[in-house]
Amino acid sequence: MSDLLWLSEAQMRRIEPYFPLSHGVPRVDDRRIISGIIFVIRNGLRWRDAPADYGPPKTIYNRFIRWSRLGVFNKIFAALAAKGGKPDQLMIDATHLKAHRTAASLLKKGMFPDVSDAPRAA
């Protein structure tokens, strides 16, 4: 595949300080695994559909889960966002949000509080 995503050496140097220390067994190549995580998430793939160039899908998945629980990615995002300065504009994309089909009936059943000032229908 020619459209694979690989982090550059400069990008890796910026995020490496936030990686947890390796305990005992050396980790698999960080650049390859992090690039695989970004590729899978960016393209909306299942972990098992990750290209083989990034390594075993189980390794990519395990690293993502372990580092997510440790807050590694949150620290990286916060640090990179802080260096970017204050944004001129904020946008919210909610195209992926869906309500369950029973959500519409929650108000009628009294399970969801009515916070609007509109009069109730009879």
PDB file of N, CA and C in Angstrom:
ATOM      1  N   MET A   1       0.837  -1.183   0.000  1.00  0.00           N
ATOM      2  CA  MET A   1       0.000   0.000   0.000  1.00  0.00           C
ATOM      3  C   MET A   1       0.875   1.237   0.000  1.00  0.00           C
ATOM      4  N   SER A   2       0.573   2.142  -0.872  1.00  0.00           N
ATOM      5  CA  SER A   2       1.373   3.350  -0.949  1.00  0.00           C
ATOM      6  C   SER A   2       0.792   4.465  -0.085  1.00  0.00           C
ATOM      7  N   ASP A   3      -0.433   4.313   0.383  1.00  0.00           N
ATOM      8  CA  ASP A   3      -1.064   5.378   1.158  1.00  0.00           C
ATOM      9  C   ASP A   3      -0.958   5.160   2.666  1.00  0.00           C
ATOM     10  N   LEU A   4       0.045   4.405   3.092  1.00  0.00           N
ATOM     11  CA  LEU A   4       0.239   4.185   4.521  1.00  0.00           C
ATOM     12  C   LEU A   4       0.755   5.457   5.173  1.00  0.00           C
ATOM     13  N   LEU A   5       0.411   5.643   6.419  1.00  0.00           N
ATOM     14  CA  LEU A   5       0.822   6.812   7.178  1.00  0.00           C
ATOM     15  C   LEU A   5       2.007   6.437   8.058  1.00  0.00           C
ATOM     16  N   TRP A   6       3.074   7.207   7.971  1.00  0.00           N
ATOM     17  CA  TRP A   6       4.241   6.987   8.825  1.00  0.00           C
ATOM     18  C   TRP A   6       4.596   8.302   9.480  1.00  0.00           C
ATOM     19  N   LEU A   7       4.725   8.290  10.796  1.00  0.00           N
ATOM     20  CA  LEU A   7       5.167   9.484  11.501  1.00  0.00           C
ATOM     21  C   LEU A   7       6.629   9.752  11.171  1.00  0.00           C
ATOM     22  N   SER A   8       6.972  11.016  11.022  1.00  0.00           N
ATOM     23  CA  SER A   8       8.358  11.369  10.725  1.00  0.00           C
ATOM     24  C   SER A   8       9.183  11.301  12.007  1.00  0.00           C
ATOM     25  N   GLU A   9      10.490  11.373  11.843  1.00  0.00           N
ATOM     26  CA  GLU A   9      11.382  11.366  13.002  1.00  0.00           C
ATOM     27  C   GLU A   9      11.141  12.596  13.877  1.00  0.00           C
ATOM     28  N   ALA A  10      10.879  13.741  13.250  1.00  0.00           N
ATOM     29  CA  ALA A  10      10.616  14.965  14.016  1.00  0.00           C
ATOM     30  C   ALA A  10       9.326  14.820  14.828  1.00  0.00           C
ATOM     31  N   GLN A  11       8.309  14.234  14.239  1.00  0.00           N
ATOM     32  CA  GLN A  11       7.052  14.019  14.960  1.00  0.00           C
ATOM     33  C   GLN A  11       7.255  13.067  16.134  1.00  0.00           C
ATOM     34  N   MET A  12       8.036  12.027  15.922  1.00  0.00           N
ATOM     35  CA  MET A  12       8.299  11.072  16.998  1.00  0.00           C
ATOM     36  C   MET A  12       9.061  11.739  18.146  1.00  0.00           C
ATOM     37  N   ARG A  13      10.020  12.594  17.816  1.00  0.00           N
ATOM     38  CA  ARG A  13      10.778  13.292  18.862  1.00  0.00           C
ATOM     39  C   ARG A  13       9.871  14.176  19.711  1.00  0.00           C
ATOM     40  N   ARG A  14       8.831  14.757  19.092  1.00  0.00           N
ATOM     41  CA  ARG A  14       7.910  15.622  19.837  1.00  0.00           C
ATOM     42  C   ARG A  14       7.048  14.846  20.818  1.00  0.00           C
ATOM     43  N   ILE A  15       6.698  13.597  20.490  1.00  0.00           N
ATOM     44  CA  ILE A  15       5.780  12.852  21.357  1.00  0.00           C
ATOM     45  C   ILE A  15       6.469  11.820  22.245  1.00  0.00           C
ATOM     46  N   GLU A  16       7.723  11.491  21.957  1.00  0.00           N
ATOM     47  CA  GLU A  16       8.440  10.478  22.746  1.00  0.00           C
ATOM     48  C   GLU A  16       8.548  10.782  24.240  1.00  0.00           C
ATOM     49  N   PRO A  17       8.674  12.021  24.655  1.00  0.00           N
ATOM     50  CA  PRO A  17       8.776  12.270  26.101  1.00  0.00           C
ATOM     51  C   PRO A  17       7.542  11.820  26.888  1.00  0.00           C
ATOM     52  N   TYR A  18       6.424  11.620  26.220  1.00  0.00           N
ATOM     53  CA  TYR A  18       5.186  11.240  26.897  1.00  0.00           C
ATOM     54  C   TYR A  18       4.974   9.721  26.928  1.00  0.00           C
ATOM     55  N   PHE A  19       5.866   8.969  26.287  1.00  0.00           N
ATOM     56  CA  PHE A  19       5.743   7.508  26.294  1.00  0.00           C
ATOM     57  C   PHE A  19       6.126   6.968  27.667  1.00  0.00           C
ATOM     58  N   PRO A  20       5.423   5.936  28.131  1.00  0.00           N
ATOM     59  CA  PRO A  20       5.830   5.320  29.404  1.00  0.00           C
ATOM     60  C   PRO A  20       7.156   4.585  29.231  1.00  0.00           C
ATOM     61  N   LEU A  21       7.867   4.415  30.326  1.00  0.00           N
ATOM     62  CA  LEU A  21       9.138   3.694  30.279  1.00  0.00           C
ATOM     63  C   LEU A  21       8.883   2.214  30.033  1.00  0.00           C
ATOM     64  N   SER A  22       9.792   1.592  29.330  1.00  0.00           N
ATOM     65  CA  SER A  22       9.701   0.160  29.072  1.00  0.00           C
ATOM     66  C   SER A  22      10.204  -0.600  30.290  1.00  0.00           C
ATOM     67  N   HIS A  23       9.473  -1.611  30.693  1.00  0.00           N
ATOM     68  CA  HIS A  23       9.849  -2.407  31.864  1.00  0.00           C
ATOM     69  C   HIS A  23      10.329  -3.781  31.402  1.00  0.00           C
ATOM     70  N   GLY A  24      11.619  -4.002  31.462  1.00  0.00           N
ATOM     71  CA  GLY A  24      12.158  -5.313  31.120  1.00  0.00           C
ATOM     72  C   GLY A  24      12.299  -5.521  29.623  1.00  0.00           C
ATOM     73  N   VAL A  25      11.301  -6.157  29.009  1.00  0.00           N
ATOM     74  CA  VAL A  25      11.360  -6.502  27.591  1.00  0.00           C
ATOM     75  C   VAL A  25      11.216  -5.236  26.748  1.00  0.00           C
ATOM     76  N   PRO A  26      12.129  -5.022  25.808  1.00  0.00           N
ATOM     77  CA  PRO A  26      12.018  -3.829  24.952  1.00  0.00           C
ATOM     78  C   PRO A  26      10.737  -3.878  24.115  1.00  0.00           C
ATOM     79  N   ARG A  27      10.142  -2.705  23.920  1.00  0.00           N
ATOM     80  CA  ARG A  27       8.906  -2.619  23.129  1.00  0.00           C
ATOM     81  C   ARG A  27       9.206  -2.807  21.653  1.00  0.00           C
ATOM     82  N   VAL A  28       8.162  -3.209  20.937  1.00  0.00           N
ATOM     83  CA  VAL A  28       8.221  -3.250  19.479  1.00  0.00           C
ATOM     84  C   VAL A  28       8.368  -1.807  19.008  1.00  0.00           C
ATOM     85  N   ASP A  29       8.897  -1.594  17.828  1.00  0.00           N
ATOM     86  CA  ASP A  29       9.158  -0.275  17.266  1.00  0.00           C
ATOM     87  C   ASP A  29       7.981   0.682  17.490  1.00  0.00           C
ATOM     88  N   ASP A  30       8.215   1.717  18.299  1.00  0.00           N
ATOM     89  CA  ASP A  30       7.159   2.665  18.637  1.00  0.00           C
ATOM     90  C   ASP A  30       6.610   3.378  17.404  1.00  0.00           C
ATOM     91  N   ARG A  31       7.481   3.781  16.507  1.00  0.00           N
ATOM     92  CA  ARG A  31       7.045   4.510  15.319  1.00  0.00           C
ATOM     93  C   ARG A  31       6.078   3.680  14.485  1.00  0.00           C
ATOM     94  N   ARG A  32       6.382   2.428  14.313  1.00  0.00           N
ATOM     95  CA  ARG A  32       5.541   1.540  13.510  1.00  0.00           C
ATOM     96  C   ARG A  32       4.175   1.347  14.176  1.00  0.00           C
ATOM     97  N   ILE A  33       4.163   1.113  15.474  1.00  0.00           N
ATOM     98  CA  ILE A  33       2.912   0.838  16.178  1.00  0.00           C
ATOM     99  C   ILE A  33       2.049   2.093  16.284  1.00  0.00           C
ATOM    100  N   ILE A  34       2.630   3.228  16.643  1.00  0.00           N
ATOM    101  CA  ILE A  34       1.866   4.474  16.752  1.00  0.00           C
ATOM    102  C   ILE A  34       1.320   4.882  15.388  1.00  0.00           C
ATOM    103  N   SER A  35       2.112   4.711  14.345  1.00  0.00           N
ATOM    104  CA  SER A  35       1.625   5.002  12.992  1.00  0.00           C
ATOM    105  C   SER A  35       0.449   4.091  12.649  1.00  0.00           C
ATOM    106  N   GLY A  36       0.526   2.827  13.057  1.00  0.00           N
ATOM    107  CA  GLY A  36      -0.575   1.894  12.826  1.00  0.00           C
ATOM    108  C   GLY A  36      -1.831   2.286  13.574  1.00  0.00           C
ATOM    109  N   ILE A  37      -1.685   2.726  14.812  1.00  0.00           N
ATOM    110  CA  ILE A  37      -2.837   3.175  15.603  1.00  0.00           C
ATOM    111  C   ILE A  37      -3.510   4.358  14.921  1.00  0.00           C
ATOM    112  N   ILE A  38      -2.713   5.327  14.505  1.00  0.00           N
ATOM    113  CA  ILE A  38      -3.263   6.512  13.837  1.00  0.00           C
ATOM    114  C   ILE A  38      -3.950   6.121  12.537  1.00  0.00           C
ATOM    115  N   PHE A  39      -3.346   5.219  11.774  1.00  0.00           N
ATOM    116  CA  PHE A  39      -3.929   4.789  10.503  1.00  0.00           C
ATOM    117  C   PHE A  39      -5.287   4.119  10.715  1.00  0.00           C
ATOM    118  N   VAL A  40      -5.364   3.222  11.688  1.00  0.00           N
ATOM    119  CA  VAL A  40      -6.609   2.499  11.950  1.00  0.00           C
ATOM    120  C   VAL A  40      -7.704   3.461  12.394  1.00  0.00           C
ATOM    121  N   ILE A  41      -7.383   4.361  13.315  1.00  0.00           N
ATOM    122  CA  ILE A  41      -8.393   5.287  13.825  1.00  0.00           C
ATOM    123  C   ILE A  41      -8.807   6.289  12.753  1.00  0.00           C
ATOM    124  N   ARG A  42      -7.836   6.818  12.021  1.00  0.00           N
ATOM    125  CA  ARG A  42      -8.149   7.812  10.987  1.00  0.00           C
ATOM    126  C   ARG A  42      -9.039   7.246   9.887  1.00  0.00           C
ATOM    127  N   ASN A  43      -8.835   5.978   9.548  1.00  0.00           N
ATOM    128  CA  ASN A  43      -9.602   5.368   8.470  1.00  0.00           C
ATOM    129  C   ASN A  43     -10.819   4.592   8.954  1.00  0.00           C
ATOM    130  N   GLY A  44     -11.043   4.552  10.255  1.00  0.00           N
ATOM    131  CA  GLY A  44     -12.219   3.873  10.785  1.00  0.00           C
ATOM    132  C   GLY A  44     -12.194   2.371  10.574  1.00  0.00           C
ATOM    133  N   LEU A  45     -11.023   1.786  10.619  1.00  0.00           N
ATOM    134  CA  LEU A  45     -10.885   0.350  10.390  1.00  0.00           C
ATOM    135  C   LEU A  45     -11.051  -0.441  11.678  1.00  0.00           C
ATOM    136  N   ARG A  46     -11.291  -1.716  11.520  1.00  0.00           N
ATOM    137  CA  ARG A  46     -11.201  -2.622  12.655  1.00  0.00           C
ATOM    138  C   ARG A  46      -9.722  -2.898  12.864  1.00  0.00           C
ATOM    139  N   TRP A  47      -9.360  -3.238  14.099  1.00  0.00           N
ATOM    140  CA  TRP A  47      -7.944  -3.476  14.391  1.00  0.00           C
ATOM    141  C   TRP A  47      -7.389  -4.587  13.519  1.00  0.00           C
ATOM    142  N   ARG A  48      -8.160  -5.618  13.286  1.00  0.00           N
ATOM    143  CA  ARG A  48      -7.663  -6.754  12.500  1.00  0.00           C
ATOM    144  C   ARG A  48      -7.487  -6.417  11.028  1.00  0.00           C
ATOM    145  N   ASP A  49      -8.005  -5.256  10.590  1.00  0.00           N
ATOM    146  CA  ASP A  49      -7.843  -4.839   9.200  1.00  0.00           C
ATOM    147  C   ASP A  49      -6.647  -3.907   8.995  1.00  0.00           C
ATOM    148  N   ALA A  50      -5.853  -3.728  10.021  1.00  0.00           N
ATOM    149  CA  ALA A  50      -4.657  -2.885   9.891  1.00  0.00           C
ATOM    150  C   ALA A  50      -3.679  -3.538   8.914  1.00  0.00           C
ATOM    151  N   PRO A  51      -3.063  -2.747   8.037  1.00  0.00           N
ATOM    152  CA  PRO A  51      -2.089  -3.307   7.105  1.00  0.00           C
ATOM    153  C   PRO A  51      -0.947  -4.008   7.847  1.00  0.00           C
ATOM    154  N   ALA A  52      -0.458  -5.063   7.264  1.00  0.00           N
ATOM    155  CA  ALA A  52       0.595  -5.874   7.884  1.00  0.00           C
ATOM    156  C   ALA A  52       1.896  -5.096   8.071  1.00  0.00           C
ATOM    157  N   ASP A  53       2.084  -4.011   7.317  1.00  0.00           N
ATOM    158  CA  ASP A  53       3.306  -3.204   7.453  1.00  0.00           C
ATOM    159  C   ASP A  53       3.449  -2.606   8.849  1.00  0.00           C
ATOM    160  N   TYR A  54       2.339  -2.449   9.563  1.00  0.00           N
ATOM    161  CA  TYR A  54       2.375  -1.875  10.896  1.00  0.00           C
ATOM    162  C   TYR A  54       2.616  -2.915  11.982  1.00  0.00           C
ATOM    163  N   GLY A  55       2.641  -4.167  11.616  1.00  0.00           N
ATOM    164  CA  GLY A  55       2.862  -5.222  12.594  1.00  0.00           C
ATOM    165  C   GLY A  55       1.575  -5.971  12.889  1.00  0.00           C
ATOM    166  N   PRO A  56       1.632  -6.906  13.825  1.00  0.00           N
ATOM    167  CA  PRO A  56       0.439  -7.696  14.154  1.00  0.00           C
ATOM    168  C   PRO A  56      -0.678  -6.813  14.717  1.00  0.00           C
ATOM    169  N   PRO A  57      -1.899  -7.007  14.257  1.00  0.00           N
ATOM    170  CA  PRO A  57      -3.018  -6.203  14.756  1.00  0.00           C
ATOM    171  C   PRO A  57      -3.201  -6.300  16.269  1.00  0.00           C
ATOM    172  N   LYS A  58      -2.915  -7.452  16.837  1.00  0.00           N
ATOM    173  CA  LYS A  58      -3.056  -7.628  18.286  1.00  0.00           C
ATOM    174  C   LYS A  58      -2.083  -6.718  19.039  1.00  0.00           C
ATOM    175  N   THR A  59      -0.881  -6.556  18.506  1.00  0.00           N
ATOM    176  CA  THR A  59       0.111  -5.674  19.125  1.00  0.00           C
ATOM    177  C   THR A  59      -0.355  -4.219  19.063  1.00  0.00           C
ATOM    178  N   ILE A  60      -0.873  -3.822  17.920  1.00  0.00           N
ATOM    179  CA  ILE A  60      -1.362  -2.452  17.754  1.00  0.00           C
ATOM    180  C   ILE A  60      -2.515  -2.196  18.726  1.00  0.00           C
ATOM    181  N   TYR A  61      -3.450  -3.129  18.785  1.00  0.00           N
ATOM    182  CA  TYR A  61      -4.605  -2.996  19.672  1.00  0.00           C
ATOM    183  C   TYR A  61      -4.174  -2.951  21.140  1.00  0.00           C
ATOM    184  N   ASN A  62      -3.311  -3.882  21.538  1.00  0.00           N
ATOM    185  CA  ASN A  62      -2.870  -3.927  22.936  1.00  0.00           C
ATOM    186  C   ASN A  62      -2.172  -2.639  23.354  1.00  0.00           C
ATOM    187  N   ARG A  63      -1.326  -2.106  22.482  1.00  0.00           N
ATOM    188  CA  ARG A  63      -0.626  -0.847  22.806  1.00  0.00           C
ATOM    189  C   ARG A  63      -1.630   0.285  22.954  1.00  0.00           C
ATOM    190  N   PHE A  64      -2.606   0.348  22.042  1.00  0.00           N
ATOM    191  CA  PHE A  64      -3.611   1.403  22.115  1.00  0.00           C
ATOM    192  C   PHE A  64      -4.394   1.323  23.426  1.00  0.00           C
ATOM    193  N   ILE A  65      -4.850   0.140  23.781  1.00  0.00           N
ATOM    194  CA  ILE A  65      -5.637  -0.034  24.998  1.00  0.00           C
ATOM    195  C   ILE A  65      -4.799   0.288  26.240  1.00  0.00           C
ATOM    196  N   ARG A  66      -3.607  -0.259  26.296  1.00  0.00           N
ATOM    197  CA  ARG A  66      -2.750  -0.060  27.472  1.00  0.00           C
ATOM    198  C   ARG A  66      -2.394   1.421  27.654  1.00  0.00           C
ATOM    199  N   TRP A  67      -1.996   2.082  26.588  1.00  0.00           N
ATOM    200  CA  TRP A  67      -1.607   3.479  26.685  1.00  0.00           C
ATOM    201  C   TRP A  67      -2.823   4.384  26.891  1.00  0.00           C
ATOM    202  N   SER A  68      -3.981   3.988  26.377  1.00  0.00           N
ATOM    203  CA  SER A  68      -5.191   4.779  26.629  1.00  0.00           C
ATOM    204  C   SER A  68      -5.541   4.752  28.099  1.00  0.00           C
ATOM    205  N   ARG A  69      -5.441   3.595  28.708  1.00  0.00           N
ATOM    206  CA  ARG A  69      -5.745   3.474  30.139  1.00  0.00           C
ATOM    207  C   ARG A  69      -4.757   4.247  30.995  1.00  0.00           C
ATOM    208  N   LEU A  70      -3.524   4.344  30.532  1.00  0.00           N
ATOM    209  CA  LEU A  70      -2.506   5.106  31.257  1.00  0.00           C
ATOM    210  C   LEU A  70      -2.608   6.611  31.004  1.00  0.00           C
ATOM    211  N   GLY A  71      -3.417   7.011  30.043  1.00  0.00           N
ATOM    212  CA  GLY A  71      -3.578   8.425  29.727  1.00  0.00           C
ATOM    213  C   GLY A  71      -2.470   8.998  28.860  1.00  0.00           C
ATOM    214  N   VAL A  72      -1.717   8.135  28.190  1.00  0.00           N
ATOM    215  CA  VAL A  72      -0.595   8.596  27.368  1.00  0.00           C
ATOM    216  C   VAL A  72      -1.083   9.480  26.224  1.00  0.00           C
ATOM    217  N   PHE A  73      -2.131   9.045  25.540  1.00  0.00           N
ATOM    218  CA  PHE A  73      -2.614   9.814  24.388  1.00  0.00           C
ATOM    219  C   PHE A  73      -3.229  11.136  24.830  1.00  0.00           C
ATOM    220  N   ASN A  74      -3.894  11.159  25.978  1.00  0.00           N
ATOM    221  CA  ASN A  74      -4.437  12.417  26.497  1.00  0.00           C
ATOM    222  C   ASN A  74      -3.317  13.414  26.781  1.00  0.00           C
ATOM    223  N   LYS A  75      -2.214  12.932  27.341  1.00  0.00           N
ATOM    224  CA  LYS A  75      -1.077  13.813  27.632  1.00  0.00           C
ATOM    225  C   LYS A  75      -0.468  14.352  26.340  1.00  0.00           C
ATOM    226  N   ILE A  76      -0.350  13.498  25.341  1.00  0.00           N
ATOM    227  CA  ILE A  76       0.211  13.926  24.048  1.00  0.00           C
ATOM    228  C   ILE A  76      -0.686  14.975  23.413  1.00  0.00           C
ATOM    229  N   PHE A  77      -1.998  14.705  23.365  1.00  0.00           N
ATOM    230  CA  PHE A  77      -2.929  15.660  22.754  1.00  0.00           C
ATOM    231  C   PHE A  77      -2.931  16.993  23.493  1.00  0.00           C
ATOM    232  N   ALA A  78      -2.911  16.944  24.828  1.00  0.00           N
ATOM    233  CA  ALA A  78      -2.918  18.178  25.614  1.00  0.00           C
ATOM    234  C   ALA A  78      -1.652  18.988  25.359  1.00  0.00           C
ATOM    235  N   ALA A  79      -0.503  18.325  25.304  1.00  0.00           N
ATOM    236  CA  ALA A  79       0.754  19.022  25.076  1.00  0.00           C
ATOM    237  C   ALA A  79       0.811  19.633  23.683  1.00  0.00           C
ATOM    238  N   LEU A  80       0.372  18.891  22.692  1.00  0.00           N
ATOM    239  CA  LEU A  80       0.387  19.418  21.323  1.00  0.00           C
ATOM    240  C   LEU A  80      -0.609  20.557  21.159  1.00  0.00           C
ATOM    241  N   ALA A  81      -1.762  20.443  21.799  1.00  0.00           N
ATOM    242  CA  ALA A  81      -2.769  21.503  21.712  1.00  0.00           C
ATOM    243  C   ALA A  81      -2.296  22.767  22.420  1.00  0.00           C
ATOM    244  N   ALA A  82      -1.585  22.616  23.531  1.00  0.00           N
ATOM    245  CA  ALA A  82      -1.099  23.775  24.277  1.00  0.00           C
ATOM    246  C   ALA A  82      -0.063  24.548  23.472  1.00  0.00           C
ATOM    247  N   LYS A  83       0.724  23.851  22.674  1.00  0.00           N
ATOM    248  CA  LYS A  83       1.750  24.523  21.868  1.00  0.00           C
ATOM    249  C   LYS A  83       1.150  25.240  20.670  1.00  0.00           C
ATOM    250  N   GLY A  84      -0.087  24.900  20.328  1.00  0.00           N
ATOM    251  CA  GLY A  84      -0.732  25.484  19.161  1.00  0.00           C
ATOM    252  C   GLY A  84      -1.310  26.863  19.406  1.00  0.00           C
ATOM    253  N   GLY A  85      -1.463  27.256  20.639  1.00  0.00           N
ATOM    254  CA  GLY A  85      -2.047  28.557  20.944  1.00  0.00           C
ATOM    255  C   GLY A  85      -3.560  28.479  20.970  1.00  0.00           C
ATOM    256  N   LYS A  86      -4.166  29.625  21.238  1.00  0.00           N
ATOM    257  CA  LYS A  86      -5.618  29.699  21.332  1.00  0.00           C
ATOM    258  C   LYS A  86      -6.230  29.702  19.936  1.00  0.00           C
ATOM    259  N   PRO A  87      -7.238  28.861  19.678  1.00  0.00           N
ATOM    260  CA  PRO A  87      -7.836  28.814  18.350  1.00  0.00           C
ATOM    261  C   PRO A  87      -8.704  30.044  18.084  1.00  0.00           C
ATOM    262  N   ASP A  88      -8.767  30.452  16.831  1.00  0.00           N
ATOM    263  CA  ASP A  88      -9.620  31.570  16.436  1.00  0.00           C
ATOM    264  C   ASP A  88     -11.079  31.138  16.397  1.00  0.00           C
ATOM    265  N   GLN A  89     -11.289  29.857  16.122  1.00  0.00           N
ATOM    266  CA  GLN A  89     -12.637  29.372  15.886  1.00  0.00           C
ATOM    267  C   GLN A  89     -12.748  27.935  16.370  1.00  0.00           C
ATOM    268  N   LEU A  90     -13.864  27.595  16.971  1.00  0.00           N
ATOM    269  CA  LEU A  90     -14.109  26.226  17.389  1.00  0.00           C
ATOM    270  C   LEU A  90     -15.294  25.687  16.612  1.00  0.00           C
ATOM    271  N   MET A  91     -15.199  24.436  16.214  1.00  0.00           N
ATOM    272  CA  MET A  91     -16.289  23.812  15.456  1.00  0.00           C
ATOM    273  C   MET A  91     -16.596  22.458  16.064  1.00  0.00           C
ATOM    274  N   ILE A  92     -17.854  22.105  16.050  1.00  0.00           N
ATOM    275  CA  ILE A  92     -18.283  20.807  16.561  1.00  0.00           C
ATOM    276  C   ILE A  92     -18.916  20.041  15.423  1.00  0.00           C
ATOM    277  N   ASP A  93     -18.470  18.822  15.241  1.00  0.00           N
ATOM    278  CA  ASP A  93     -19.028  17.961  14.209  1.00  0.00           C
ATOM    279  C   ASP A  93     -19.797  16.851  14.905  1.00  0.00           C
ATOM    280  N   ALA A  94     -21.094  16.846  14.759  1.00  0.00           N
ATOM    281  CA  ALA A  94     -21.920  15.850  15.435  1.00  0.00           C
ATOM    282  C   ALA A  94     -22.596  14.922  14.441  1.00  0.00           C
ATOM    283  N   THR A  95     -21.998  14.724  13.300  1.00  0.00           N
ATOM    284  CA  THR A  95     -22.647  13.892  12.282  1.00  0.00           C
ATOM    285  C   THR A  95     -22.707  12.429  12.677  1.00  0.00           C
ATOM    286  N   HIS A  96     -21.896  12.002  13.625  1.00  0.00           N
ATOM    287  CA  HIS A  96     -21.881  10.599  14.010  1.00  0.00           C
ATOM    288  C   HIS A  96     -22.757  10.301  15.220  1.00  0.00           C
ATOM    289  N   LEU A  97     -23.358  11.324  15.824  1.00  0.00           N
ATOM    290  CA  LEU A  97     -24.178  11.106  17.006  1.00  0.00           C
ATOM    291  C   LEU A  97     -25.546  10.576  16.604  1.00  0.00           C
ATOM    292  N   LYS A  98     -25.977   9.545  17.271  1.00  0.00           N
ATOM    293  CA  LYS A  98     -27.278   8.953  16.974  1.00  0.00           C
ATOM    294  C   LYS A  98     -28.033   8.743  18.277  1.00  0.00           C
ATOM    295  N   ALA A  99     -29.326   8.908  18.223  1.00  0.00           N
ATOM    296  CA  ALA A  99     -30.163   8.612  19.379  1.00  0.00           C
ATOM    297  C   ALA A  99     -30.777   7.238  19.181  1.00  0.00           C
ATOM    298  N   HIS A 100     -30.863   6.515  20.248  1.00  0.00           N
ATOM    299  CA  HIS A 100     -31.505   5.206  20.187  1.00  0.00           C
ATOM    300  C   HIS A 100     -32.975   5.398  19.868  1.00  0.00           C
ATOM    301  N   ARG A 101     -33.570   4.438  19.203  1.00  0.00           N
ATOM    302  CA  ARG A 101     -34.957   4.605  18.770  1.00  0.00           C
ATOM    303  C   ARG A 101     -35.929   4.765  19.934  1.00  0.00           C
ATOM    304  N   THR A 102     -35.547   4.342  21.124  1.00  0.00           N
ATOM    305  CA  THR A 102     -36.436   4.505  22.277  1.00  0.00           C
ATOM    306  C   THR A 102     -36.263   5.858  22.947  1.00  0.00           C
ATOM    307  N   ALA A 103     -35.285   6.635  22.517  1.00  0.00           N
ATOM    308  CA  ALA A 103     -35.031   7.928  23.158  1.00  0.00           C
ATOM    309  C   ALA A 103     -36.199   8.885  22.951  1.00  0.00           C
ATOM    310  N   ALA A 104     -36.915   8.765  21.862  1.00  0.00           N
ATOM    311  CA  ALA A 104     -38.030   9.665  21.586  1.00  0.00           C
ATOM    312  C   ALA A 104     -39.185   9.447  22.557  1.00  0.00           C
ATOM    313  N   SER A 105     -39.320   8.262  23.086  1.00  0.00           N
ATOM    314  CA  SER A 105     -40.444   7.975  23.975  1.00  0.00           C
ATOM    315  C   SER A 105     -40.112   8.202  25.443  1.00  0.00           C
ATOM    316  N   LEU A 106     -38.885   8.531  25.772  1.00  0.00           N
ATOM    317  CA  LEU A 106     -38.506   8.728  27.170  1.00  0.00           C
ATOM    318  C   LEU A 106     -39.246   9.897  27.808  1.00  0.00           C
ATOM    319  N   LEU A 107     -39.476  10.962  27.065  1.00  0.00           N
ATOM    320  CA  LEU A 107     -40.172  12.121  27.593  1.00  0.00           C
ATOM    321  C   LEU A 107     -41.618  11.765  27.925  1.00  0.00           C
ATOM    322  N   LYS A 108     -42.249  11.000  27.067  1.00  0.00           N
ATOM    323  CA  LYS A 108     -43.638  10.602  27.283  1.00  0.00           C
ATOM    324  C   LYS A 108     -43.771   9.717  28.515  1.00  0.00           C
ATOM    325  N   LYS A 109     -42.805   8.896  28.761  1.00  0.00           N
ATOM    326  CA  LYS A 109     -42.858   7.968  29.886  1.00  0.00           C
ATOM    327  C   LYS A 109     -42.390   8.609  31.186  1.00  0.00           C
ATOM    328  N   GLY A 110     -41.951   9.865  31.137  1.00  0.00           N
ATOM    329  CA  GLY A 110     -41.506  10.548  32.340  1.00  0.00           C
ATOM    330  C   GLY A 110     -40.114  10.148  32.786  1.00  0.00           C
ATOM    331  N   MET A 111     -39.347   9.499  31.912  1.00  0.00           N
ATOM    332  CA  MET A 111     -38.015   9.043  32.277  1.00  0.00           C
ATOM    333  C   MET A 111     -36.949  10.093  31.968  1.00  0.00           C
ATOM    334  N   PHE A 112     -37.329  11.121  31.218  1.00  0.00           N
ATOM    335  CA  PHE A 112     -36.393  12.173  30.858  1.00  0.00           C
ATOM    336  C   PHE A 112     -37.036  13.498  31.214  1.00  0.00           C
ATOM    337  N   PRO A 113     -36.395  14.315  32.001  1.00  0.00           N
ATOM    338  CA  PRO A 113     -37.051  15.560  32.448  1.00  0.00           C
ATOM    339  C   PRO A 113     -37.276  16.528  31.296  1.00  0.00           C
ATOM    340  N   ASP A 114     -38.452  17.158  31.297  1.00  0.00           N
ATOM    341  CA  ASP A 114     -38.783  18.161  30.285  1.00  0.00           C
ATOM    342  C   ASP A 114     -38.281  19.492  30.799  1.00  0.00           C
ATOM    343  N   VAL A 115     -37.270  20.028  30.156  1.00  0.00           N
ATOM    344  CA  VAL A 115     -36.669  21.275  30.612  1.00  0.00           C
ATOM    345  C   VAL A 115     -37.105  22.457  29.764  1.00  0.00           C
ATOM    346  N   SER A 116     -37.935  22.214  28.769  1.00  0.00           N
ATOM    347  CA  SER A 116     -38.368  23.309  27.919  1.00  0.00           C
ATOM    348  C   SER A 116     -39.529  24.039  28.558  1.00  0.00           C
ATOM    349  N   ASP A 117     -39.756  25.278  28.126  1.00  0.00           N
ATOM    350  CA  ASP A 117     -40.871  26.077  28.613  1.00  0.00           C
ATOM    351  C   ASP A 117     -42.116  25.891  27.774  1.00  0.00           C
ATOM    352  N   ALA A 118     -42.044  25.039  26.787  1.00  0.00           N
ATOM    353  CA  ALA A 118     -43.187  24.828  25.890  1.00  0.00           C
ATOM    354  C   ALA A 118     -44.310  24.123  26.629  1.00  0.00           C
ATOM    355  N   PRO A 119     -45.547  24.502  26.324  1.00  0.00           N
ATOM    356  CA  PRO A 119     -46.664  23.824  26.971  1.00  0.00           C
ATOM    357  C   PRO A 119     -46.759  22.365  26.520  1.00  0.00           C
ATOM    358  N   ARG A 120     -47.226  21.528  27.421  1.00  0.00           N
ATOM    359  CA  ARG A 120     -47.351  20.108  27.094  1.00  0.00           C
ATOM    360  C   ARG A 120     -48.543  19.873  26.184  1.00  0.00           C
ATOM    361  N   ALA A 121     -48.375  18.959  25.250  1.00  0.00           N
ATOM    362  CA  ALA A 121     -49.472  18.581  24.369  1.00  0.00           C
ATOM    363  C   ALA A 121     -50.467  17.737  25.149  1.00  0.00           C
ATOM    364  N   ALA A 122     -51.729  17.934  24.844  1.00  0.00           N
ATOM    365  CA  ALA A 122     -52.771  17.189  25.570  1.00  0.00           C
ATOM    366  C   ALA A 122     -52.985  15.810  25.004  1.00  0.00           C
TER     367      ALA A 122
END
